[in-house]
């Protein structure tokens, strides 16, 4: 199991950040995700593993003017 912003999400072997985001079916385009406190940027999503029992935070980027 993985905790994503406080909610439980099923973990699977060899899961990457990209896999996790796809499983969430969230249409928001994330540029940064924190995995166990480590910031991961979009270019690294496909190559960064999500370990079992990880704490994941989805960081929404807000632009304004």
PDB file of N, CA and C in Angstrom:
ATOM      1  N   UNK A   1       0.845  -1.174   0.000  1.00  0.00           N
ATOM      2  CA  UNK A   1       0.000   0.000   0.000  1.00  0.00           C
ATOM      3  C   UNK A   1       0.898   1.248   0.000  1.00  0.00           C
ATOM      4  N   UNK A   2       0.429   2.288  -0.654  1.00  0.00           N
ATOM      5  CA  UNK A   2       1.115   3.572  -0.725  1.00  0.00           C
ATOM      6  C   UNK A   2       0.145   4.637  -0.228  1.00  0.00           C
ATOM      7  N   UNK A   3       0.634   5.594   0.528  1.00  0.00           N
ATOM      8  CA  UNK A   3      -0.202   6.720   0.974  1.00  0.00           C
ATOM      9  C   UNK A   3       0.019   7.884   0.020  1.00  0.00           C
ATOM     10  N   UNK A   4      -1.048   8.317  -0.635  1.00  0.00           N
ATOM     11  CA  UNK A   4      -0.979   9.454  -1.557  1.00  0.00           C
ATOM     12  C   UNK A   4      -1.859  10.551  -0.978  1.00  0.00           C
ATOM     13  N   UNK A   5      -1.211  11.605  -0.517  1.00  0.00           N
ATOM     14  CA  UNK A   5      -1.935  12.716   0.117  1.00  0.00           C
ATOM     15  C   UNK A   5      -2.928  12.212   1.163  1.00  0.00           C
ATOM     16  N   UNK A   6      -2.492  11.220   1.968  1.00  0.00           N
ATOM     17  CA  UNK A   6      -3.301  10.722   3.067  1.00  0.00           C
ATOM     18  C   UNK A   6      -4.258   9.598   2.743  1.00  0.00           C
ATOM     19  N   UNK A   7      -4.395   9.246   1.485  1.00  0.00           N
ATOM     20  CA  UNK A   7      -5.308   8.145   1.144  1.00  0.00           C
ATOM     21  C   UNK A   7      -4.509   6.924   0.678  1.00  0.00           C
ATOM     22  N   UNK A   8      -5.032   5.750   0.960  1.00  0.00           N
ATOM     23  CA  UNK A   8      -4.359   4.511   0.595  1.00  0.00           C
ATOM     24  C   UNK A   8      -4.591   4.180  -0.871  1.00  0.00           C
ATOM     25  N   UNK A   9      -3.489   3.817  -1.541  1.00  0.00           N
ATOM     26  CA  UNK A   9      -3.537   3.420  -2.948  1.00  0.00           C
ATOM     27  C   UNK A   9      -2.784   2.095  -3.058  1.00  0.00           C
ATOM     28  N   UNK A  10      -3.318   1.175  -3.823  1.00  0.00           N
ATOM     29  CA  UNK A  10      -2.701  -0.132  -3.983  1.00  0.00           C
ATOM     30  C   UNK A  10      -1.319  -0.003  -4.636  1.00  0.00           C
ATOM     31  N   UNK A  11      -0.332  -0.675  -4.052  1.00  0.00           N
ATOM     32  CA  UNK A  11       1.032  -0.691  -4.580  1.00  0.00           C
ATOM     33  C   UNK A  11       1.223  -1.981  -5.369  1.00  0.00           C
ATOM     34  N   UNK A  12       2.106  -1.913  -6.362  1.00  0.00           N
ATOM     35  CA  UNK A  12       2.466  -3.140  -7.088  1.00  0.00           C
ATOM     36  C   UNK A  12       3.964  -3.135  -7.385  1.00  0.00           C
ATOM     37  N   UNK A  13       4.493  -4.302  -7.584  1.00  0.00           N
ATOM     38  CA  UNK A  13       5.922  -4.486  -7.857  1.00  0.00           C
ATOM     39  C   UNK A  13       6.358  -3.632  -9.042  1.00  0.00           C
ATOM     40  N   UNK A  14       7.515  -3.005  -8.944  1.00  0.00           N
ATOM     41  CA  UNK A  14       8.117  -2.195 -10.013  1.00  0.00           C
ATOM     42  C   UNK A  14       7.310  -0.942 -10.362  1.00  0.00           C
ATOM     43  N   UNK A  15       6.492  -0.471  -9.446  1.00  0.00           N
ATOM     44  CA  UNK A  15       5.691   0.736  -9.696  1.00  0.00           C
ATOM     45  C   UNK A  15       6.599   1.968  -9.782  1.00  0.00           C
ATOM     46  N   UNK A  16       6.341   2.792 -10.790  1.00  0.00           N
ATOM     47  CA  UNK A  16       7.034   4.060 -10.930  1.00  0.00           C
ATOM     48  C   UNK A  16       6.061   5.199 -10.618  1.00  0.00           C
ATOM     49  N   UNK A  17       6.579   6.396 -10.510  1.00  0.00           N
ATOM     50  CA  UNK A  17       5.716   7.558 -10.302  1.00  0.00           C
ATOM     51  C   UNK A  17       4.736   7.680 -11.467  1.00  0.00           C
ATOM     52  N   UNK A  18       5.204   7.451 -12.686  1.00  0.00           N
ATOM     53  CA  UNK A  18       4.322   7.529 -13.860  1.00  0.00           C
ATOM     54  C   UNK A  18       3.186   6.510 -13.752  1.00  0.00           C
ATOM     55  N   UNK A  19       3.488   5.289 -13.302  1.00  0.00           N
ATOM     56  CA  UNK A  19       2.459   4.258 -13.116  1.00  0.00           C
ATOM     57  C   UNK A  19       1.435   4.699 -12.073  1.00  0.00           C
ATOM     58  N   UNK A  20       1.929   5.245 -10.979  1.00  0.00           N
ATOM     59  CA  UNK A  20       1.045   5.684  -9.905  1.00  0.00           C
ATOM     60  C   UNK A  20       0.088   6.768 -10.392  1.00  0.00           C
ATOM     61  N   UNK A  21       0.623   7.755 -11.093  1.00  0.00           N
ATOM     62  CA  UNK A  21      -0.228   8.830 -11.602  1.00  0.00           C
ATOM     63  C   UNK A  21      -1.263   8.297 -12.592  1.00  0.00           C
ATOM     64  N   UNK A  22      -0.869   7.338 -13.412  1.00  0.00           N
ATOM     65  CA  UNK A  22      -1.808   6.734 -14.356  1.00  0.00           C
ATOM     66  C   UNK A  22      -2.915   5.993 -13.605  1.00  0.00           C
ATOM     67  N   UNK A  23      -2.541   5.258 -12.556  1.00  0.00           N
ATOM     68  CA  UNK A  23      -3.521   4.525 -11.756  1.00  0.00           C
ATOM     69  C   UNK A  23      -4.511   5.461 -11.070  1.00  0.00           C
ATOM     70  N   UNK A  24      -4.048   6.646 -10.682  1.00  0.00           N
ATOM     71  CA  UNK A  24      -4.920   7.607 -10.017  1.00  0.00           C
ATOM     72  C   UNK A  24      -5.947   8.202 -10.969  1.00  0.00           C
ATOM     73  N   UNK A  25      -5.670   8.135 -12.265  1.00  0.00           N
ATOM     74  CA  UNK A  25      -6.572   8.683 -13.287  1.00  0.00           C
ATOM     75  C   UNK A  25      -6.937  10.134 -12.982  1.00  0.00           C
ATOM     76  N   UNK A  26      -5.947  10.873 -12.535  1.00  0.00           N
ATOM     77  CA  UNK A  26      -6.113  12.285 -12.219  1.00  0.00           C
ATOM     78  C   UNK A  26      -5.688  13.075 -13.451  1.00  0.00           C
ATOM     79  N   UNK A  27      -6.522  13.936 -13.939  1.00  0.00           N
ATOM     80  CA  UNK A  27      -6.224  14.669 -15.172  1.00  0.00           C
ATOM     81  C   UNK A  27      -5.313  15.875 -14.941  1.00  0.00           C
ATOM     82  N   UNK A  28      -5.000  16.187 -13.687  1.00  0.00           N
ATOM     83  CA  UNK A  28      -4.147  17.340 -13.402  1.00  0.00           C
ATOM     84  C   UNK A  28      -2.708  17.019 -13.806  1.00  0.00           C
ATOM     85  N   UNK A  29      -2.054  17.896 -14.570  1.00  0.00           N
ATOM     86  CA  UNK A  29      -0.667  17.640 -14.974  1.00  0.00           C
ATOM     87  C   UNK A  29       0.314  18.045 -13.867  1.00  0.00           C
ATOM     88  N   UNK A  30       0.865  17.090 -13.179  1.00  0.00           N
ATOM     89  CA  UNK A  30       1.818  17.367 -12.101  1.00  0.00           C
ATOM     90  C   UNK A  30       3.217  17.551 -12.668  1.00  0.00           C
ATOM     91  N   UNK A  31       3.937  18.532 -12.144  1.00  0.00           N
ATOM     92  CA  UNK A  31       5.322  18.750 -12.546  1.00  0.00           C
ATOM     93  C   UNK A  31       6.278  18.219 -11.492  1.00  0.00           C
ATOM     94  N   UNK A  32       5.781  18.102 -10.237  1.00  0.00           N
ATOM     95  CA  UNK A  32       6.597  17.623  -9.128  1.00  0.00           C
ATOM     96  C   UNK A  32       5.745  16.722  -8.230  1.00  0.00           C
ATOM     97  N   UNK A  33       6.356  15.625  -7.815  1.00  0.00           N
ATOM     98  CA  UNK A  33       5.746  14.702  -6.860  1.00  0.00           C
ATOM     99  C   UNK A  33       6.811  14.406  -5.808  1.00  0.00           C
ATOM    100  N   UNK A  34       6.419  14.349  -4.549  1.00  0.00           N
ATOM    101  CA  UNK A  34       7.349  13.982  -3.486  1.00  0.00           C
ATOM    102  C   UNK A  34       7.121  12.517  -3.115  1.00  0.00           C
ATOM    103  N   UNK A  35       8.208  11.754  -3.104  1.00  0.00           N
ATOM    104  CA  UNK A  35       8.169  10.350  -2.704  1.00  0.00           C
ATOM    105  C   UNK A  35       9.067  10.215  -1.481  1.00  0.00           C
ATOM    106  N   UNK A  36       8.453   9.939  -0.333  1.00  0.00           N
ATOM    107  CA  UNK A  36       9.195   9.857   0.930  1.00  0.00           C
ATOM    108  C   UNK A  36      10.054  11.097   1.155  1.00  0.00           C
ATOM    109  N   UNK A  37       9.502  12.259   0.818  1.00  0.00           N
ATOM    110  CA  UNK A  37      10.187  13.529   1.045  1.00  0.00           C
ATOM    111  C   UNK A  37      11.115  13.976  -0.066  1.00  0.00           C
ATOM    112  N   UNK A  38      11.388  13.109  -1.020  1.00  0.00           N
ATOM    113  CA  UNK A  38      12.286  13.458  -2.135  1.00  0.00           C
ATOM    114  C   UNK A  38      11.470  14.006  -3.290  1.00  0.00           C
ATOM    115  N   UNK A  39      11.847  15.205  -3.766  1.00  0.00           N
ATOM    116  CA  UNK A  39      11.156  15.818  -4.905  1.00  0.00           C
ATOM    117  C   UNK A  39      11.563  15.116  -6.195  1.00  0.00           C
ATOM    118  N   UNK A  40      10.561  14.738  -6.974  1.00  0.00           N
ATOM    119  CA  UNK A  40      10.771  14.084  -8.266  1.00  0.00           C
ATOM    120  C   UNK A  40      10.090  14.949  -9.312  1.00  0.00           C
ATOM    121  N   UNK A  41      10.819  15.347 -10.347  1.00  0.00           N
ATOM    122  CA  UNK A  41      10.256  16.182 -11.399  1.00  0.00           C
ATOM    123  C   UNK A  41       9.751  15.326 -12.557  1.00  0.00           C
ATOM    124  N   UNK A  42       8.893  15.910 -13.366  1.00  0.00           N
ATOM    125  CA  UNK A  42       8.226  15.188 -14.452  1.00  0.00           C
ATOM    126  C   UNK A  42       9.171  14.367 -15.342  1.00  0.00           C
ATOM    127  N   UNK A  43      10.347  14.889 -15.708  1.00  0.00           N
ATOM    128  CA  UNK A  43      11.212  14.059 -16.563  1.00  0.00           C
ATOM    129  C   UNK A  43      11.665  12.755 -15.899  1.00  0.00           C
ATOM    130  N   UNK A  44      11.574  12.675 -14.563  1.00  0.00           N
ATOM    131  CA  UNK A  44      12.012  11.480 -13.837  1.00  0.00           C
ATOM    132  C   UNK A  44      10.861  10.539 -13.471  1.00  0.00           C
ATOM    133  N   UNK A  45       9.627  10.880 -13.788  1.00  0.00           N
ATOM    134  CA  UNK A  45       8.475  10.078 -13.368  1.00  0.00           C
ATOM    135  C   UNK A  45       8.561   8.630 -13.858  1.00  0.00           C
ATOM    136  N   UNK A  46       8.967   8.422 -15.082  1.00  0.00           N
ATOM    137  CA  UNK A  46       8.987   7.071 -15.661  1.00  0.00           C
ATOM    138  C   UNK A  46      10.121   6.205 -15.119  1.00  0.00           C
ATOM    139  N   UNK A  47      11.128   6.830 -14.507  1.00  0.00           N
ATOM    140  CA  UNK A  47      12.291   6.067 -14.037  1.00  0.00           C
ATOM    141  C   UNK A  47      12.429   6.035 -12.516  1.00  0.00           C
ATOM    142  N   UNK A  48      11.528   6.705 -11.802  1.00  0.00           N
ATOM    143  CA  UNK A  48      11.613   6.745 -10.344  1.00  0.00           C
ATOM    144  C   UNK A  48      10.649   5.734  -9.737  1.00  0.00           C
ATOM    145  N   UNK A  49      11.199   4.807  -8.973  1.00  0.00           N
ATOM    146  CA  UNK A  49      10.399   3.771  -8.331  1.00  0.00           C
ATOM    147  C   UNK A  49       9.657   4.327  -7.125  1.00  0.00           C
ATOM    148  N   UNK A  50       8.491   3.751  -6.884  1.00  0.00           N
ATOM    149  CA  UNK A  50       7.712   4.053  -5.686  1.00  0.00           C
ATOM    150  C   UNK A  50       7.757   2.797  -4.822  1.00  0.00           C
ATOM    151  N   UNK A  51       8.459   2.859  -3.679  1.00  0.00           N
ATOM    152  CA  UNK A  51       8.543   1.664  -2.837  1.00  0.00           C
ATOM    153  C   UNK A  51       7.242   1.401  -2.089  1.00  0.00           C
ATOM    154  N   UNK A  52       7.043   0.159  -1.698  1.00  0.00           N
ATOM    155  CA  UNK A  52       5.887  -0.191  -0.883  1.00  0.00           C
ATOM    156  C   UNK A  52       5.924   0.626   0.406  1.00  0.00           C
ATOM    157  N   UNK A  53       4.778   1.035   0.879  1.00  0.00           N
ATOM    158  CA  UNK A  53       4.616   1.838   2.089  1.00  0.00           C
ATOM    159  C   UNK A  53       5.153   3.260   1.956  1.00  0.00           C
ATOM    160  N   UNK A  54       5.326   3.733   0.739  1.00  0.00           N
ATOM    161  CA  UNK A  54       5.834   5.090   0.519  1.00  0.00           C
ATOM    162  C   UNK A  54       4.777   6.129   0.883  1.00  0.00           C
ATOM    163  N   UNK A  55       5.263   7.303   1.261  1.00  0.00           N
ATOM    164  CA  UNK A  55       4.417   8.483   1.478  1.00  0.00           C
ATOM    165  C   UNK A  55       4.612   9.364   0.246  1.00  0.00           C
ATOM    166  N   UNK A  56       3.533   9.605  -0.493  1.00  0.00           N
ATOM    167  CA  UNK A  56       3.605  10.382  -1.730  1.00  0.00           C
ATOM    168  C   UNK A  56       2.749  11.633  -1.599  1.00  0.00           C
ATOM    169  N   UNK A  57       3.327  12.749  -2.015  1.00  0.00           N
ATOM    170  CA  UNK A  57       2.584  14.022  -2.025  1.00  0.00           C
ATOM    171  C   UNK A  57       2.544  14.542  -3.452  1.00  0.00           C
ATOM    172  N   UNK A  58       1.363  14.867  -3.905  1.00  0.00           N
ATOM    173  CA  UNK A  58       1.187  15.441  -5.243  1.00  0.00           C
ATOM    174  C   UNK A  58       1.204  16.955  -5.089  1.00  0.00           C
ATOM    175  N   UNK A  59       2.123  17.598  -5.765  1.00  0.00           N
ATOM    176  CA  UNK A  59       2.289  19.044  -5.629  1.00  0.00           C
ATOM    177  C   UNK A  59       1.666  19.735  -6.826  1.00  0.00           C
ATOM    178  N   UNK A  60       0.626  20.467  -6.554  1.00  0.00           N
ATOM    179  CA  UNK A  60      -0.048  21.255  -7.588  1.00  0.00           C
ATOM    180  C   UNK A  60       0.713  22.559  -7.779  1.00  0.00           C
ATOM    181  N   UNK A  61       1.056  22.857  -8.995  1.00  0.00           N
ATOM    182  CA  UNK A  61       1.709  24.124  -9.287  1.00  0.00           C
ATOM    183  C   UNK A  61       0.631  25.148  -9.611  1.00  0.00           C
ATOM    184  N   UNK A  62       0.776  26.294  -9.022  1.00  0.00           N
ATOM    185  CA  UNK A  62      -0.204  27.357  -9.218  1.00  0.00           C
ATOM    186  C   UNK A  62       0.503  28.546  -9.844  1.00  0.00           C
ATOM    187  N   UNK A  63      -0.048  29.022 -10.929  1.00  0.00           N
ATOM    188  CA  UNK A  63       0.500  30.205 -11.598  1.00  0.00           C
ATOM    189  C   UNK A  63      -0.458  31.352 -11.401  1.00  0.00           C
ATOM    190  N   UNK A  64       0.079  32.490 -11.320  1.00  0.00           N
ATOM    191  CA  UNK A  64      -0.783  33.652 -11.132  1.00  0.00           C
ATOM    192  C   UNK A  64      -0.101  34.901 -11.640  1.00  0.00           C
ATOM    193  N   UNK A  65      -0.828  35.949 -11.596  1.00  0.00           N
ATOM    194  CA  UNK A  65      -0.205  37.172 -12.088  1.00  0.00           C
ATOM    195  C   UNK A  65      -0.858  38.381 -11.514  1.00  0.00           C
TER     196      UNK A  65
END
